[in-house]
C-alpha cells in the first residue's frame, strides 16, 4: 500500500460519486457493540492498494479505554461495492456531498485532532501477534 496525493485521489474517485443522492447509506450495527475506547484522529492518508483500489486510511491514537496509548487504523476503500459503506462513513464525518466537501473535510480533520468513540477488534491477519484495528467510529 502506498500513500498518494489528495488531489490525485479525489480526481480518481469522482466517478463513484455520480448518482450519490440515490445511494442509501449502509446500516451500521457496530455502534450497538461500541466499546468505551476514545481516540484522537492523528492523520488521514489517501492510499492506493497493490490492486489499484483507492482508500482513505484513518490513523487513531487511543486516549481512553482498554487500548489507551495504542495506535490503530481504519481503512475506507472507495470501490463500487462499498458505496453504501462509504456514504455511511462520510455522513458520520459530516460530508454529504463528497465532490464539494471531501477535500476540505479531510484537511479540517487533519488539523483538528478530532475526538472519536471507536470500536476496536482484532486484526484478521495478525497471526497471533495481538494486532488490532478500528471497525467502527462515531465523531464526538
N, C-alpha and C. Protein backbone atom coordinates (compact mmCIF):
# COMPACT_ATOMS: atom_id res chain seq x y z
N UNK A 1 0.85 -1.17 0.00
CA UNK A 1 0.00 0.00 0.00
C UNK A 1 0.89 1.23 0.00
N UNK A 2 0.55 2.19 -0.84
CA UNK A 2 1.35 3.41 -0.87
C UNK A 2 0.47 4.63 -0.68
N UNK A 3 1.04 5.68 -0.09
CA UNK A 3 0.34 6.94 0.11
C UNK A 3 0.34 7.72 -1.20
N UNK A 4 -0.77 8.35 -1.52
CA UNK A 4 -0.87 9.16 -2.74
C UNK A 4 -1.33 10.57 -2.38
N UNK A 5 -1.22 11.47 -3.32
CA UNK A 5 -1.61 12.86 -3.15
C UNK A 5 -3.13 12.97 -3.06
N UNK A 6 -3.63 13.84 -2.20
CA UNK A 6 -5.07 14.01 -2.01
C UNK A 6 -5.77 14.44 -3.30
N UNK A 7 -5.13 15.28 -4.09
CA UNK A 7 -5.76 15.77 -5.33
C UNK A 7 -5.85 14.65 -6.37
N UNK A 8 -4.82 13.81 -6.45
CA UNK A 8 -4.83 12.65 -7.32
C UNK A 8 -5.95 11.70 -6.88
N UNK A 9 -6.05 11.46 -5.59
CA UNK A 9 -7.08 10.60 -5.02
C UNK A 9 -8.47 11.10 -5.41
N UNK A 10 -8.73 12.39 -5.18
CA UNK A 10 -10.06 12.95 -5.44
C UNK A 10 -10.42 12.89 -6.92
N UNK A 11 -9.46 13.16 -7.79
CA UNK A 11 -9.77 13.12 -9.23
C UNK A 11 -10.08 11.70 -9.68
N UNK A 12 -9.47 10.71 -9.05
CA UNK A 12 -9.66 9.32 -9.46
C UNK A 12 -10.92 8.69 -8.87
N UNK A 13 -11.44 9.20 -7.75
CA UNK A 13 -12.65 8.60 -7.15
C UNK A 13 -13.93 9.35 -7.53
N UNK A 14 -13.82 10.44 -8.28
CA UNK A 14 -15.01 11.24 -8.63
C UNK A 14 -16.11 10.42 -9.29
N UNK A 15 -15.74 9.43 -10.10
CA UNK A 15 -16.75 8.64 -10.81
C UNK A 15 -17.68 7.91 -9.84
N UNK A 16 -17.18 7.58 -8.65
CA UNK A 16 -18.01 6.88 -7.66
C UNK A 16 -19.14 7.75 -7.13
N UNK A 17 -18.99 9.05 -7.25
CA UNK A 17 -19.97 9.95 -6.66
C UNK A 17 -21.09 10.35 -7.63
N UNK A 18 -21.08 9.78 -8.84
CA UNK A 18 -22.20 10.02 -9.75
C UNK A 18 -23.44 9.35 -9.17
N UNK A 19 -24.55 10.05 -9.13
CA UNK A 19 -25.78 9.49 -8.57
C UNK A 19 -25.72 9.31 -7.06
N UNK A 20 -24.85 10.06 -6.39
CA UNK A 20 -24.61 9.92 -4.95
C UNK A 20 -25.90 10.10 -4.15
N UNK A 21 -26.78 11.00 -4.60
CA UNK A 21 -28.01 11.26 -3.87
C UNK A 21 -28.91 10.03 -3.82
N UNK A 22 -28.70 9.05 -4.71
CA UNK A 22 -29.52 7.84 -4.74
C UNK A 22 -28.92 6.67 -3.97
N UNK A 23 -27.71 6.86 -3.47
CA UNK A 23 -27.05 5.79 -2.70
C UNK A 23 -27.58 5.83 -1.27
N UNK A 24 -28.02 4.69 -0.77
CA UNK A 24 -28.51 4.57 0.61
C UNK A 24 -27.33 4.19 1.50
N UNK A 25 -27.11 4.94 2.59
CA UNK A 25 -26.02 4.56 3.49
C UNK A 25 -26.30 3.20 4.13
N UNK A 26 -25.26 2.40 4.30
CA UNK A 26 -25.46 1.10 4.93
C UNK A 26 -25.86 1.28 6.38
N UNK A 27 -26.61 0.34 6.88
CA UNK A 27 -26.98 0.35 8.29
C UNK A 27 -25.77 -0.09 9.08
N UNK A 28 -25.56 0.55 10.19
CA UNK A 28 -24.38 0.23 10.98
C UNK A 28 -24.79 -0.31 12.32
N UNK A 29 -24.49 -1.57 12.56
CA UNK A 29 -24.80 -2.15 13.85
C UNK A 29 -23.59 -2.16 14.77
N UNK A 30 -22.45 -1.66 14.31
CA UNK A 30 -21.27 -1.70 15.17
C UNK A 30 -21.40 -0.72 16.34
N UNK A 31 -22.28 0.28 16.23
CA UNK A 31 -22.44 1.23 17.33
C UNK A 31 -23.14 0.57 18.51
N UNK A 32 -23.95 -0.47 18.22
CA UNK A 32 -24.58 -1.22 19.31
C UNK A 32 -23.52 -1.92 20.15
N UNK A 33 -22.42 -2.29 19.52
CA UNK A 33 -21.35 -3.03 20.18
C UNK A 33 -20.16 -2.12 20.51
N UNK A 34 -20.34 -0.80 20.41
CA UNK A 34 -19.24 0.14 20.59
C UNK A 34 -18.64 0.01 21.98
N UNK A 35 -17.34 -0.06 22.03
CA UNK A 35 -16.63 -0.17 23.30
C UNK A 35 -16.32 1.22 23.83
N UNK A 36 -15.90 1.30 25.07
CA UNK A 36 -15.57 2.59 25.65
C UNK A 36 -14.12 2.96 25.37
N UNK A 37 -13.78 3.00 24.11
CA UNK A 37 -12.47 3.46 23.68
C UNK A 37 -12.65 4.78 22.95
N UNK A 38 -11.89 5.75 23.37
CA UNK A 38 -11.94 7.07 22.75
C UNK A 38 -10.57 7.36 22.17
N UNK A 39 -10.57 8.05 21.03
CA UNK A 39 -9.31 8.27 20.34
C UNK A 39 -9.28 9.62 19.66
N UNK A 40 -8.07 10.14 19.49
CA UNK A 40 -7.86 11.31 18.65
C UNK A 40 -7.49 10.82 17.27
N UNK A 41 -7.97 11.54 16.27
CA UNK A 41 -7.58 11.24 14.90
C UNK A 41 -6.23 11.91 14.66
N UNK A 42 -5.20 11.10 14.47
CA UNK A 42 -3.86 11.65 14.25
C UNK A 42 -3.65 12.09 12.81
N UNK A 43 -4.14 11.29 11.86
CA UNK A 43 -3.95 11.65 10.45
C UNK A 43 -4.90 10.88 9.56
N UNK A 44 -5.05 11.41 8.36
CA UNK A 44 -5.80 10.74 7.30
C UNK A 44 -4.90 10.76 6.07
N UNK A 45 -4.73 9.58 5.47
CA UNK A 45 -3.89 9.48 4.28
C UNK A 45 -4.68 8.86 3.14
N UNK A 46 -4.65 9.47 1.97
CA UNK A 46 -5.16 8.77 0.79
C UNK A 46 -4.16 7.69 0.42
N UNK A 47 -4.65 6.48 0.16
CA UNK A 47 -3.75 5.36 -0.13
C UNK A 47 -4.22 4.61 -1.37
N UNK A 48 -3.28 3.87 -1.96
CA UNK A 48 -3.58 3.01 -3.09
C UNK A 48 -3.04 1.62 -2.79
N UNK A 49 -3.92 0.63 -2.88
CA UNK A 49 -3.52 -0.76 -2.65
C UNK A 49 -2.77 -1.29 -3.87
N UNK A 50 -2.08 -2.39 -3.70
CA UNK A 50 -1.37 -3.01 -4.82
C UNK A 50 -2.33 -3.35 -5.96
N UNK A 51 -3.58 -3.63 -5.61
CA UNK A 51 -4.60 -3.97 -6.62
C UNK A 51 -5.06 -2.75 -7.41
N UNK A 52 -4.70 -1.55 -6.94
CA UNK A 52 -5.13 -0.32 -7.59
C UNK A 52 -6.31 0.34 -6.91
N UNK A 53 -6.92 -0.33 -5.92
CA UNK A 53 -8.04 0.26 -5.18
C UNK A 53 -7.56 1.47 -4.40
N UNK A 54 -8.41 2.48 -4.34
CA UNK A 54 -8.09 3.70 -3.61
C UNK A 54 -8.86 3.74 -2.30
N UNK A 55 -8.27 4.35 -1.29
CA UNK A 55 -8.92 4.44 0.00
C UNK A 55 -8.38 5.56 0.84
N UNK A 56 -9.02 5.76 1.97
CA UNK A 56 -8.54 6.69 2.98
C UNK A 56 -8.18 5.88 4.21
N UNK A 57 -6.99 6.09 4.75
CA UNK A 57 -6.57 5.40 5.97
C UNK A 57 -6.59 6.42 7.10
N UNK A 58 -7.40 6.12 8.11
CA UNK A 58 -7.53 6.97 9.29
C UNK A 58 -6.62 6.39 10.38
N UNK A 59 -5.71 7.19 10.91
CA UNK A 59 -4.83 6.76 12.00
C UNK A 59 -5.34 7.39 13.30
N UNK A 60 -5.68 6.55 14.26
CA UNK A 60 -6.18 6.99 15.55
C UNK A 60 -5.16 6.68 16.64
N UNK A 61 -5.16 7.50 17.69
CA UNK A 61 -4.38 7.22 18.90
C UNK A 61 -5.37 7.14 20.04
N UNK A 62 -5.49 5.95 20.65
CA UNK A 62 -6.44 5.75 21.75
C UNK A 62 -6.01 6.58 22.96
N UNK A 63 -6.96 7.30 23.54
CA UNK A 63 -6.64 8.13 24.70
C UNK A 63 -7.35 7.65 25.97
N UNK A 64 -8.49 6.97 25.82
CA UNK A 64 -9.24 6.46 26.97
C UNK A 64 -9.74 5.07 26.60
N UNK A 65 -9.66 4.13 27.55
CA UNK A 65 -10.19 2.80 27.33
C UNK A 65 -9.13 1.73 27.48
N UNK A 66 -9.53 0.51 27.17
CA UNK A 66 -8.64 -0.64 27.37
C UNK A 66 -7.42 -0.61 26.45
N UNK A 67 -7.45 0.19 25.42
CA UNK A 67 -6.32 0.27 24.48
C UNK A 67 -5.63 1.63 24.53
N UNK A 68 -5.79 2.35 25.63
CA UNK A 68 -5.18 3.69 25.76
C UNK A 68 -3.69 3.62 25.46
N UNK A 69 -3.24 4.60 24.66
CA UNK A 69 -1.83 4.68 24.30
C UNK A 69 -1.50 3.97 23.00
N UNK A 70 -2.37 3.09 22.53
CA UNK A 70 -2.09 2.37 21.29
C UNK A 70 -2.56 3.15 20.08
N UNK A 71 -1.91 2.89 18.97
CA UNK A 71 -2.31 3.48 17.69
C UNK A 71 -3.03 2.42 16.88
N UNK A 72 -4.15 2.82 16.27
CA UNK A 72 -4.96 1.90 15.47
C UNK A 72 -5.37 2.61 14.18
N UNK A 73 -5.86 1.86 13.22
CA UNK A 73 -6.24 2.45 11.95
C UNK A 73 -7.59 1.95 11.50
N UNK A 74 -8.15 2.71 10.53
CA UNK A 74 -9.41 2.34 9.89
C UNK A 74 -9.25 2.64 8.40
N UNK A 75 -9.48 1.65 7.55
CA UNK A 75 -9.40 1.85 6.11
C UNK A 75 -10.79 1.96 5.51
N UNK A 76 -10.98 2.98 4.70
CA UNK A 76 -12.23 3.17 3.98
C UNK A 76 -11.90 3.06 2.49
N UNK A 77 -12.28 1.94 1.87
CA UNK A 77 -11.94 1.68 0.47
C UNK A 77 -13.02 2.22 -0.44
N UNK A 78 -12.63 2.95 -1.46
CA UNK A 78 -13.54 3.58 -2.41
C UNK A 78 -13.69 2.69 -3.64
N UNK A 79 -14.63 1.73 -3.54
CA UNK A 79 -14.92 0.81 -4.64
C UNK A 79 -16.42 0.84 -4.90
N UNK A 80 -16.83 0.35 -6.06
CA UNK A 80 -18.26 0.28 -6.40
C UNK A 80 -19.03 -0.51 -5.36
N UNK A 81 -18.48 -1.63 -4.93
CA UNK A 81 -19.17 -2.50 -3.97
C UNK A 81 -19.35 -1.84 -2.61
N UNK A 82 -18.48 -0.91 -2.26
CA UNK A 82 -18.54 -0.33 -0.91
C UNK A 82 -19.18 1.05 -0.87
N UNK A 83 -19.91 1.44 -1.92
CA UNK A 83 -20.53 2.77 -1.97
C UNK A 83 -21.41 3.05 -0.74
N UNK A 84 -22.19 2.05 -0.31
CA UNK A 84 -23.10 2.25 0.81
C UNK A 84 -22.33 2.50 2.11
N UNK A 85 -21.24 1.79 2.29
CA UNK A 85 -20.39 1.97 3.47
C UNK A 85 -19.67 3.31 3.42
N UNK A 86 -19.21 3.69 2.23
CA UNK A 86 -18.54 4.98 2.06
C UNK A 86 -19.50 6.10 2.46
N UNK A 87 -20.73 6.01 1.97
CA UNK A 87 -21.70 7.07 2.27
C UNK A 87 -21.97 7.13 3.78
N UNK A 88 -22.14 5.97 4.41
CA UNK A 88 -22.36 5.94 5.87
C UNK A 88 -21.22 6.63 6.60
N UNK A 89 -19.98 6.27 6.28
CA UNK A 89 -18.83 6.81 6.99
C UNK A 89 -18.62 8.29 6.69
N UNK A 90 -18.84 8.71 5.44
CA UNK A 90 -18.68 10.12 5.12
C UNK A 90 -19.75 10.97 5.83
N UNK A 91 -20.97 10.43 5.93
CA UNK A 91 -22.02 11.16 6.67
C UNK A 91 -21.65 11.29 8.14
N UNK A 92 -21.03 10.23 8.72
CA UNK A 92 -20.58 10.31 10.11
C UNK A 92 -19.53 11.40 10.30
N UNK A 93 -18.79 11.68 9.25
CA UNK A 93 -17.76 12.73 9.30
C UNK A 93 -18.32 14.11 8.92
N UNK A 94 -19.59 14.16 8.51
CA UNK A 94 -20.20 15.43 8.16
C UNK A 94 -20.08 15.78 6.68
N UNK A 95 -19.84 14.80 5.83
CA UNK A 95 -19.70 15.03 4.38
C UNK A 95 -20.94 14.47 3.68
N UNK A 96 -21.78 15.36 3.16
CA UNK A 96 -22.97 14.88 2.45
C UNK A 96 -22.79 14.96 0.93
N UNK A 97 -21.92 15.85 0.47
CA UNK A 97 -21.63 15.96 -0.96
C UNK A 97 -20.12 15.84 -1.16
N UNK A 98 -19.62 14.63 -1.41
CA UNK A 98 -18.17 14.42 -1.48
C UNK A 98 -17.47 15.24 -2.55
N UNK A 99 -18.14 15.48 -3.68
CA UNK A 99 -17.49 16.27 -4.74
C UNK A 99 -17.14 17.67 -4.27
N UNK A 100 -17.96 18.23 -3.40
CA UNK A 100 -17.72 19.59 -2.92
C UNK A 100 -17.05 19.64 -1.55
N UNK A 101 -17.28 18.64 -0.70
CA UNK A 101 -16.89 18.76 0.70
C UNK A 101 -15.74 17.86 1.15
N UNK A 102 -15.43 16.80 0.41
CA UNK A 102 -14.47 15.81 0.91
C UNK A 102 -13.07 16.38 1.12
N UNK A 103 -12.56 17.12 0.15
CA UNK A 103 -11.21 17.67 0.28
C UNK A 103 -11.09 18.57 1.50
N UNK A 104 -12.04 19.50 1.67
CA UNK A 104 -11.95 20.43 2.80
C UNK A 104 -12.13 19.71 4.13
N UNK A 105 -12.98 18.68 4.17
CA UNK A 105 -13.19 17.93 5.42
C UNK A 105 -11.93 17.15 5.79
N UNK A 106 -11.28 16.54 4.82
CA UNK A 106 -10.03 15.82 5.09
C UNK A 106 -8.99 16.79 5.64
N UNK A 107 -8.87 17.97 5.03
CA UNK A 107 -7.90 18.97 5.51
C UNK A 107 -8.25 19.43 6.92
N UNK A 108 -9.55 19.65 7.17
CA UNK A 108 -10.01 20.08 8.50
C UNK A 108 -9.70 19.02 9.56
N UNK A 109 -10.01 17.76 9.26
CA UNK A 109 -9.77 16.68 10.22
C UNK A 109 -8.28 16.47 10.46
N UNK A 110 -7.46 16.67 9.44
CA UNK A 110 -6.01 16.54 9.61
C UNK A 110 -5.48 17.55 10.63
N UNK A 111 -6.06 18.75 10.61
CA UNK A 111 -5.59 19.82 11.50
C UNK A 111 -6.19 19.73 12.90
N UNK A 112 -7.40 19.21 13.03
CA UNK A 112 -8.17 19.37 14.26
C UNK A 112 -7.88 18.40 15.39
N UNK A 113 -7.28 17.24 15.12
CA UNK A 113 -7.12 16.20 16.14
C UNK A 113 -8.48 15.86 16.75
N UNK A 114 -9.46 15.66 15.88
CA UNK A 114 -10.83 15.38 16.30
C UNK A 114 -10.88 14.16 17.21
N UNK A 115 -11.89 14.13 18.08
CA UNK A 115 -12.06 13.04 19.03
C UNK A 115 -13.20 12.14 18.57
N UNK A 116 -12.99 10.81 18.67
CA UNK A 116 -13.96 9.82 18.23
C UNK A 116 -14.13 8.74 19.28
N UNK A 117 -15.31 8.15 19.29
CA UNK A 117 -15.53 6.91 20.03
C UNK A 117 -15.34 5.81 18.99
N UNK A 118 -14.54 4.80 19.32
CA UNK A 118 -14.20 3.81 18.32
C UNK A 118 -14.48 2.39 18.81
N UNK A 119 -14.74 1.51 17.85
CA UNK A 119 -14.90 0.09 18.14
C UNK A 119 -13.65 -0.61 17.65
N UNK A 120 -12.96 -1.29 18.55
CA UNK A 120 -11.69 -1.96 18.23
C UNK A 120 -11.91 -3.47 18.19
N UNK A 121 -11.35 -4.10 17.17
CA UNK A 121 -11.45 -5.55 17.01
C UNK A 121 -10.06 -6.09 16.66
N UNK A 122 -9.84 -7.39 16.88
CA UNK A 122 -8.56 -7.99 16.47
C UNK A 122 -8.42 -7.93 14.95
N UNK A 123 -7.23 -7.71 14.49
CA UNK A 123 -6.93 -7.68 13.06
C UNK A 123 -6.96 -9.11 12.54
N UNK A 124 -7.70 -9.35 11.47
CA UNK A 124 -7.92 -10.71 10.96
C UNK A 124 -6.63 -11.43 10.57
N UNK A 125 -5.63 -10.70 10.13
CA UNK A 125 -4.40 -11.34 9.66
C UNK A 125 -3.25 -11.12 10.63
N UNK A 126 -3.55 -11.17 11.93
CA UNK A 126 -2.48 -10.84 12.89
C UNK A 126 -1.56 -12.02 13.21
N UNK A 127 -1.95 -13.24 12.85
CA UNK A 127 -1.12 -14.43 13.07
C UNK A 127 -0.65 -14.54 14.52
N UNK A 128 -1.57 -14.27 15.45
CA UNK A 128 -1.27 -14.41 16.88
C UNK A 128 -0.43 -13.30 17.47
N UNK A 129 -0.27 -12.19 16.77
CA UNK A 129 0.57 -11.10 17.26
C UNK A 129 -0.20 -10.07 18.09
N UNK A 130 -1.52 -10.21 18.19
CA UNK A 130 -2.32 -9.30 19.00
C UNK A 130 -2.58 -7.95 18.36
N UNK A 131 -2.53 -7.87 17.03
CA UNK A 131 -2.78 -6.60 16.35
C UNK A 131 -4.27 -6.28 16.41
N UNK A 132 -4.59 -5.01 16.44
CA UNK A 132 -5.97 -4.55 16.50
C UNK A 132 -6.21 -3.49 15.44
N UNK A 133 -7.50 -3.29 15.10
CA UNK A 133 -7.86 -2.22 14.17
C UNK A 133 -9.23 -1.68 14.55
N UNK A 134 -9.60 -0.57 13.97
CA UNK A 134 -10.90 0.05 14.21
C UNK A 134 -11.90 -0.53 13.24
N UNK A 135 -13.07 -0.93 13.77
CA UNK A 135 -14.13 -1.47 12.92
C UNK A 135 -15.25 -0.44 12.72
N UNK A 136 -15.41 0.47 13.64
CA UNK A 136 -16.44 1.49 13.51
C UNK A 136 -16.07 2.70 14.35
N UNK A 137 -16.65 3.84 14.03
CA UNK A 137 -16.35 5.05 14.78
C UNK A 137 -17.56 5.96 14.82
N UNK A 138 -17.56 6.85 15.77
CA UNK A 138 -18.58 7.89 15.89
C UNK A 138 -17.88 9.17 16.34
N UNK A 139 -18.10 10.23 15.58
CA UNK A 139 -17.48 11.51 15.94
C UNK A 139 -18.15 12.07 17.19
N UNK A 140 -17.35 12.71 18.02
CA UNK A 140 -17.88 13.33 19.25
C UNK A 140 -17.94 14.83 19.09
